[in-house]
N, C-alpha and C. Protein backbone atom coordinates (compact mmCIF):
# COMPACT_ATOMS: atom_id res chain seq x y z
N MET A 1 -18.29 60.00 -252.49
CA MET A 1 -17.75 59.87 -251.14
C MET A 1 -16.93 61.10 -250.81
N ALA A 2 -17.14 61.66 -249.64
CA ALA A 2 -16.43 62.86 -249.22
C ALA A 2 -15.04 62.50 -248.70
N ASN A 3 -14.12 63.43 -248.89
CA ASN A 3 -12.77 63.25 -248.36
C ASN A 3 -12.75 63.61 -246.89
N ILE A 4 -12.05 62.79 -246.09
CA ILE A 4 -11.90 63.04 -244.66
C ILE A 4 -10.44 63.40 -244.42
N THR A 5 -10.22 64.54 -243.76
CA THR A 5 -8.86 65.00 -243.48
C THR A 5 -8.47 64.62 -242.06
N VAL A 6 -7.34 63.93 -241.94
CA VAL A 6 -6.82 63.52 -240.64
C VAL A 6 -5.75 64.53 -240.24
N VAL A 7 -5.79 64.98 -238.98
CA VAL A 7 -4.83 65.95 -238.46
C VAL A 7 -3.96 65.26 -237.42
N LEU A 8 -2.63 65.38 -237.58
CA LEU A 8 -1.66 64.82 -236.63
C LEU A 8 -0.84 65.95 -236.04
N ASP A 9 -0.71 65.97 -234.72
CA ASP A 9 0.14 66.94 -234.03
C ASP A 9 1.12 66.14 -233.18
N ILE A 10 2.33 65.95 -233.70
CA ILE A 10 3.34 65.17 -233.00
C ILE A 10 4.26 66.13 -232.28
N GLY A 11 4.12 66.18 -230.97
CA GLY A 11 4.90 67.10 -230.16
C GLY A 11 5.99 66.40 -229.37
N GLN A 12 6.76 67.16 -228.63
CA GLN A 12 7.84 66.60 -227.84
C GLN A 12 7.31 65.84 -226.63
N PHE A 13 6.21 66.28 -226.05
CA PHE A 13 5.67 65.64 -224.84
C PHE A 13 4.51 64.70 -225.17
N SER A 14 3.57 65.16 -225.97
CA SER A 14 2.42 64.31 -226.32
C SER A 14 2.07 64.47 -227.79
N SER A 15 1.41 63.46 -228.32
CA SER A 15 0.94 63.48 -229.70
C SER A 15 -0.58 63.43 -229.70
N LYS A 16 -1.16 64.11 -230.67
CA LYS A 16 -2.62 64.16 -230.76
C LYS A 16 -3.02 63.87 -232.20
N CYS A 17 -4.14 63.19 -232.38
CA CYS A 17 -4.65 62.96 -233.73
C CYS A 17 -6.18 63.02 -233.70
N GLY A 18 -6.71 63.40 -234.82
CA GLY A 18 -8.16 63.53 -234.93
C GLY A 18 -8.53 63.92 -236.35
N TYR A 19 -9.74 64.40 -236.52
CA TYR A 19 -10.26 64.78 -237.83
C TYR A 19 -10.43 66.30 -237.91
N ALA A 20 -10.17 66.86 -239.07
CA ALA A 20 -10.33 68.29 -239.28
C ALA A 20 -11.79 68.68 -239.04
N GLY A 21 -11.98 69.82 -238.38
CA GLY A 21 -13.33 70.32 -238.12
C GLY A 21 -13.86 69.95 -236.74
N GLU A 22 -13.21 69.01 -236.05
CA GLU A 22 -13.63 68.66 -234.69
C GLU A 22 -12.97 69.61 -233.70
N ASP A 23 -13.63 69.83 -232.57
CA ASP A 23 -13.10 70.75 -231.57
C ASP A 23 -11.94 70.18 -230.77
N PHE A 24 -11.94 68.87 -230.55
CA PHE A 24 -10.90 68.23 -229.73
C PHE A 24 -10.33 67.03 -230.46
N PRO A 25 -9.07 66.66 -230.17
CA PRO A 25 -8.49 65.48 -230.82
C PRO A 25 -9.17 64.18 -230.36
N SER A 26 -9.18 63.20 -231.24
CA SER A 26 -9.78 61.90 -230.91
C SER A 26 -8.89 61.10 -229.97
N GLN A 27 -7.57 61.20 -230.17
CA GLN A 27 -6.61 60.44 -229.37
C GLN A 27 -5.50 61.37 -228.89
N VAL A 28 -5.07 61.20 -227.64
CA VAL A 28 -3.93 61.92 -227.08
C VAL A 28 -3.07 60.90 -226.36
N PHE A 29 -1.78 60.85 -226.68
CA PHE A 29 -0.89 59.89 -226.05
C PHE A 29 0.50 60.48 -225.94
N PHE A 30 1.31 59.90 -225.05
CA PHE A 30 2.67 60.39 -224.83
C PHE A 30 3.54 60.08 -226.02
N THR A 31 4.42 61.00 -226.38
CA THR A 31 5.39 60.79 -227.43
C THR A 31 6.63 60.20 -226.77
N MET A 32 6.84 58.91 -226.96
CA MET A 32 7.99 58.25 -226.34
C MET A 32 8.61 57.30 -227.35
N VAL A 33 9.91 57.45 -227.56
CA VAL A 33 10.64 56.55 -228.44
C VAL A 33 11.79 55.99 -227.64
N GLY A 34 11.87 54.69 -227.53
CA GLY A 34 12.95 54.07 -226.78
C GLY A 34 12.65 54.02 -225.30
N LYS A 35 13.69 53.91 -224.52
CA LYS A 35 13.59 53.78 -223.06
C LYS A 35 13.87 55.13 -222.42
N PRO A 36 13.08 55.55 -221.43
CA PRO A 36 13.34 56.84 -220.78
C PRO A 36 14.72 56.88 -220.15
N LYS A 37 15.37 58.03 -220.25
CA LYS A 37 16.71 58.20 -219.69
C LYS A 37 16.66 58.26 -218.18
N TYR A 38 15.63 58.88 -217.64
CA TYR A 38 15.49 59.03 -216.19
C TYR A 38 14.28 58.24 -215.73
N ARG A 39 14.47 57.29 -214.84
CA ARG A 39 13.39 56.42 -214.39
C ARG A 39 12.30 57.19 -213.64
N GLN A 40 12.64 58.23 -212.91
CA GLN A 40 11.64 59.00 -212.16
C GLN A 40 10.59 59.59 -213.10
N ILE A 41 11.00 60.07 -214.25
CA ILE A 41 10.06 60.62 -215.23
C ILE A 41 9.12 59.53 -215.73
N ASP A 42 9.66 58.34 -215.95
CA ASP A 42 8.85 57.22 -216.41
C ASP A 42 7.77 56.89 -215.39
N TYR A 43 8.11 56.89 -214.11
CA TYR A 43 7.13 56.57 -213.06
C TYR A 43 6.07 57.67 -212.95
N GLU A 44 6.46 58.91 -213.08
CA GLU A 44 5.52 60.02 -212.91
C GLU A 44 4.48 60.07 -214.02
N TYR A 45 4.89 59.85 -215.26
CA TYR A 45 3.99 60.06 -216.39
C TYR A 45 3.31 58.79 -216.89
N SER A 46 3.83 57.62 -216.56
CA SER A 46 3.21 56.41 -217.08
C SER A 46 2.19 55.80 -216.12
N GLY A 47 2.19 56.25 -214.87
CA GLY A 47 1.26 55.72 -213.91
C GLY A 47 1.73 54.43 -213.25
N ILE A 48 2.96 54.02 -213.52
CA ILE A 48 3.51 52.81 -212.92
C ILE A 48 3.87 53.11 -211.46
N LYS A 49 3.48 52.22 -210.57
CA LYS A 49 3.82 52.38 -209.16
C LYS A 49 5.23 51.87 -208.91
N LYS A 50 6.05 52.70 -208.31
CA LYS A 50 7.43 52.33 -208.02
C LYS A 50 7.45 51.48 -206.74
N ASP A 51 8.08 50.30 -206.83
CA ASP A 51 8.23 49.44 -205.65
C ASP A 51 9.31 50.03 -204.75
N GLU A 52 8.95 50.19 -203.49
CA GLU A 52 9.91 50.79 -202.56
C GLU A 52 10.40 49.77 -201.56
C-alpha cells in the first residue's frame, strides 16, 4: 500500500487541505475560532443576510 501525504495550510483568513501532488486543494474554508469581534465582517464573509 502506498503512503498518501496530506497537506494542510492553516492561514489567518482561510485554511486549505488536500493531497500532495494535486494542483489545487480539496477543501477551502474560513479560519474562524470563536465569535467574530465585528459583526459586519461576519455578515460579509459568511453569506448571512443582515435583517434591516
